[in-house]
């Protein structure tokens, strides 16, 4: 891969990661396989992906308990 093409690909991956995070399931389908291939074959791309995945993990932990399943909360309120 030429250096200009590689840099363009890395910038595109960085944009995808900044927008959608490190979970490839959230990436646009039109870019997913190409970006995953880049991460598999390029050291810098793997580093960018690992950083995005680490940030995702931190944000998930910081968000607190998941919202949506309130059955246990309702049971505790009813018991009180």
Protein backbone atom coordinates (compact mmCIF):
# COMPACT_ATOMS: atom_id res chain seq x y z
CA UNK A 1 0.00 0.00 0.00
CA UNK A 2 1.46 3.37 -0.94
CA UNK A 3 2.02 5.77 1.90
CA UNK A 4 -0.58 8.24 0.58
CA UNK A 5 -3.19 5.50 0.23
CA UNK A 6 -2.29 4.09 3.66
CA UNK A 7 -2.61 7.51 5.28
CA UNK A 8 -5.97 8.07 3.60
CA UNK A 9 -7.18 4.66 4.80
CA UNK A 10 -5.98 5.38 8.34
CA UNK A 11 -7.72 8.76 8.34
CA UNK A 12 -10.92 7.09 7.16
CA UNK A 13 -10.64 4.43 9.89
CA UNK A 14 -10.02 7.13 12.47
CA UNK A 15 -13.12 8.98 11.29
CA UNK A 16 -15.20 5.79 11.52
CA UNK A 17 -13.86 5.10 15.02
CA UNK A 18 -14.48 8.67 16.15
CA UNK A 19 -18.04 8.53 14.85
CA UNK A 20 -19.14 4.97 15.65
CA UNK A 21 -16.66 3.65 18.22
CA UNK A 22 -14.63 0.46 18.30
CA UNK A 23 -17.50 -2.01 17.83
CA UNK A 24 -17.44 -2.91 14.14
CA UNK A 25 -21.11 -3.85 14.35
CA UNK A 26 -21.90 -0.13 14.58
CA UNK A 27 -19.77 0.80 11.58
CA UNK A 28 -21.47 1.48 8.24
CA UNK A 29 -21.87 -1.79 6.36
CA UNK A 30 -20.31 -0.22 3.28
CA UNK A 31 -17.04 0.33 5.16
CA UNK A 32 -17.03 -2.48 7.71
CA UNK A 33 -15.12 -5.24 5.91
CA UNK A 34 -12.55 -2.87 4.44
CA UNK A 35 -11.89 -1.22 7.80
CA UNK A 36 -11.68 -4.59 9.55
CA UNK A 37 -9.21 -5.75 6.90
CA UNK A 38 -7.12 -2.65 7.43
CA UNK A 39 -7.06 -3.24 11.18
CA UNK A 40 -6.02 -6.83 10.59
CA UNK A 41 -3.13 -5.90 8.31
CA UNK A 42 -1.79 -2.60 9.65
CA UNK A 43 -0.10 -2.00 13.00
CA UNK A 44 -1.23 1.63 13.27
CA UNK A 45 -4.81 0.69 12.39
CA UNK A 46 -4.78 -1.98 15.11
CA UNK A 47 -3.53 0.62 17.60
CA UNK A 48 -6.35 3.00 16.64
CA UNK A 49 -8.91 0.21 17.00
CA UNK A 50 -7.56 -0.86 20.41
CA UNK A 51 -7.75 2.74 21.63
CA UNK A 52 -11.35 3.06 20.43
CA UNK A 53 -12.29 -0.24 22.08
CA UNK A 54 -10.67 0.90 25.35
CA UNK A 55 -12.59 4.18 25.24
CA UNK A 56 -15.83 2.28 24.57
CA UNK A 57 -15.16 0.10 27.63
CA UNK A 58 -14.51 3.14 29.83
CA UNK A 59 -17.66 4.89 28.63
CA UNK A 60 -19.73 1.76 29.18
CA UNK A 61 -18.51 1.44 32.78
CA UNK A 62 -18.99 5.16 33.43
CA UNK A 63 -22.58 5.10 32.18
CA UNK A 64 -23.75 3.07 35.17
CA UNK A 65 -26.23 0.24 35.06
CA UNK A 66 -28.03 -0.43 31.80
CA UNK A 67 -31.39 1.23 31.40
CA UNK A 68 -34.39 -0.68 30.14
CA UNK A 69 -34.91 -3.66 32.41
CA UNK A 70 -36.61 -2.15 35.42
CA UNK A 71 -38.28 -5.30 36.74
CA UNK A 72 -35.89 -5.65 39.71
CA UNK A 73 -36.26 -1.97 40.54
CA UNK A 74 -40.04 -2.26 40.43
CA UNK A 75 -39.89 -5.33 42.70
CA UNK A 76 -37.74 -3.45 45.25
CA UNK A 77 -40.11 -0.48 45.20
CA UNK A 78 -43.15 -2.72 45.63
CA UNK A 79 -41.48 -4.57 48.49
CA UNK A 80 -40.72 -1.31 50.26
